[in-house]
Protein backbone atom coordinates (compact mmCIF):
# COMPACT_ATOMS: atom_id res chain seq x y z
CA MET A 1 95.16 112.89 113.96
CA PRO A 2 91.68 111.50 113.24
CA ALA A 3 90.17 108.89 116.09
CA SER A 4 90.28 105.94 113.83
CA ALA A 5 94.11 106.46 113.38
CA ARG A 6 96.82 105.01 115.78
CA GLY A 7 99.44 107.46 114.25
CA ALA A 8 100.83 108.36 110.82
CA VAL A 9 103.61 105.75 109.21
CA VAL A 10 106.25 107.84 107.27
CA CYS A 11 106.23 107.08 103.97
CA SER A 12 109.47 109.59 102.80
CA VAL A 13 112.07 111.98 104.75
CA PRO A 14 113.07 114.69 102.32
CA GLN A 15 116.63 115.75 102.69
CA GLN A 16 115.77 119.19 103.29
CA PRO A 17 114.23 119.91 106.97
CA THR A 18 112.25 122.35 105.61
CA GLU A 19 110.18 120.17 103.02
CA PRO A 20 107.23 118.02 104.54
CA ILE A 21 107.61 114.48 105.93
CA ARG A 22 105.18 112.40 103.68
CA ALA A 23 103.26 109.98 105.72
CA VAL A 24 99.96 108.23 105.76
CA TRP A 25 97.65 107.40 108.52
CA ASP A 26 98.01 104.00 110.31
CA THR A 27 94.29 102.66 111.07
CA ALA A 28 95.71 99.22 112.35
CA PRO A 29 94.71 97.83 115.79
CA GLN A 30 96.86 98.96 118.42
CA PRO A 31 98.78 95.68 119.18
CA GLU A 32 99.63 95.01 115.42
CA PRO A 33 103.34 95.11 115.10
CA ILE A 34 104.90 97.77 112.83
CA ARG A 35 106.31 96.38 109.72
CA PRO A 36 110.49 96.07 109.76
CA GLY A 37 111.96 99.34 108.93
CA ALA A 38 108.42 101.39 109.16
CA ILE A 39 108.36 104.62 111.32
CA LEU A 40 105.21 105.24 113.35
CA LEU A 41 104.79 108.68 114.60
CA THR A 42 102.07 109.49 117.09
CA TRP A 43 101.23 112.77 118.81
CA HIS A 44 99.29 113.99 121.63
CA PRO A 45 98.46 117.53 122.83
CA CYS A 46 100.07 118.20 126.05
CA ARG A 47 100.05 121.40 128.50
CA GLY A 48 102.99 122.95 126.59
CA GLY A 49 101.95 121.99 123.29
CA MET A 50 102.40 118.41 121.37
CA ASP A 51 104.33 115.46 122.57
CA VAL A 52 105.62 113.36 119.59
CA THR A 53 106.84 109.82 119.91
CA ALA A 54 108.32 108.35 116.77
CA ARG A 55 108.65 103.93 116.78
CA LEU A 56 110.57 102.04 114.76
CA GLY A 57 109.38 98.35 113.56
CA LEU A 58 112.34 95.88 113.68
CA ALA A 59 112.28 92.29 112.73
CA ALA A 60 111.17 90.71 116.21
CA THR A 61 109.61 93.63 117.86
CA THR A 62 108.72 97.33 118.04
CA VAL A 63 111.14 100.11 119.97
CA ILE A 64 110.66 103.40 120.77
CA LEU A 65 112.93 105.64 118.40
CA ALA A 66 112.71 108.87 120.09
CA THR A 67 110.20 111.14 121.86
CA TRP A 68 109.94 114.84 121.85
CA PRO A 69 108.05 116.62 124.55
CA SER A 70 106.25 120.02 124.28
CA LEU A 71 106.94 120.48 120.59
CA HIS A 72 105.24 123.78 119.32
CA GLY A 73 104.01 124.73 116.02
CA ASP A 74 105.54 123.13 113.18
CA TRP A 75 107.77 120.53 114.47
CA THR A 76 108.87 119.18 111.30
CA PRO A 77 112.52 120.80 111.35
CA ILE A 78 113.00 119.20 114.85
CA VAL A 79 111.82 115.61 113.99
CA HIS A 80 113.59 115.57 110.74
CA PRO A 81 117.20 114.86 111.48
CA THR A 82 116.13 111.68 113.52
CA LEU A 83 113.76 110.30 110.72
CA PHE A 84 116.36 111.21 107.97
CA GLU A 85 119.16 109.41 109.73
CA VAL A 86 117.34 106.38 111.04
CA THR A 87 115.73 106.01 107.62
CA GLY A 88 118.87 105.78 105.83
CA LEU A 89 120.58 103.69 108.39
CA HIS A 90 117.70 101.01 108.00
CA ALA A 91 118.39 101.06 104.22
CA ALA A 92 122.16 100.57 104.45
CA LEU A 93 121.48 97.82 106.96
CA THR A 94 119.15 96.13 104.70
CA VAL A 95 121.50 96.07 101.67
CA ALA A 96 124.32 94.67 104.02
CA THR A 97 121.96 92.07 105.39
CA ASP A 98 121.07 90.88 102.11
CA ALA A 99 124.56 91.12 100.56
CA LEU A 100 125.52 88.73 103.95
CA HIS A 101 122.84 86.43 102.97
CA LEU A 102 123.87 86.31 99.30
CA ALA A 103 127.50 85.67 100.09
CA ASN A 104 126.53 82.84 102.64
CA HIS A 105 124.31 81.50 100.06
CA LEU A 106 127.09 81.63 97.51
CA ALA A 107 129.67 80.13 99.83
CA THR A 108 127.63 77.14 100.56
CA PRO A 109 128.50 74.13 98.33
C-alpha cells in the first residue's frame, strides 16, 4: 500500500472468489468518513503475514466489518465471502429503504 493511501476502497466484488477484487487507493485524510455502503480495506505486515481489516461506511459512522489476522499469500479467497455478502446485503437494504421512502411519500395526502 502506498504511503499516501489509507487503504483501498472496494469497487466491485466478483461472484467467483478466484477473480480479483477491484479496488482503488483511498488517499482521503484519516478522519474523513467512508461513504455509506463503501468498504475500505487496510492491511499491515505482521509477524505471521498480513493483518487485513475491512471497514464499512454507514450513514452516521464507519464500523469495523471484519479483521483477518496473519494472512499469507493471496488473501482474496479468504476475504471474498464477507465482502461479497456485505455488498449484496447493502444493495438489498438500499432498495428496501428507497421502496419504504417511496411508499411513505405516496401514502402522504
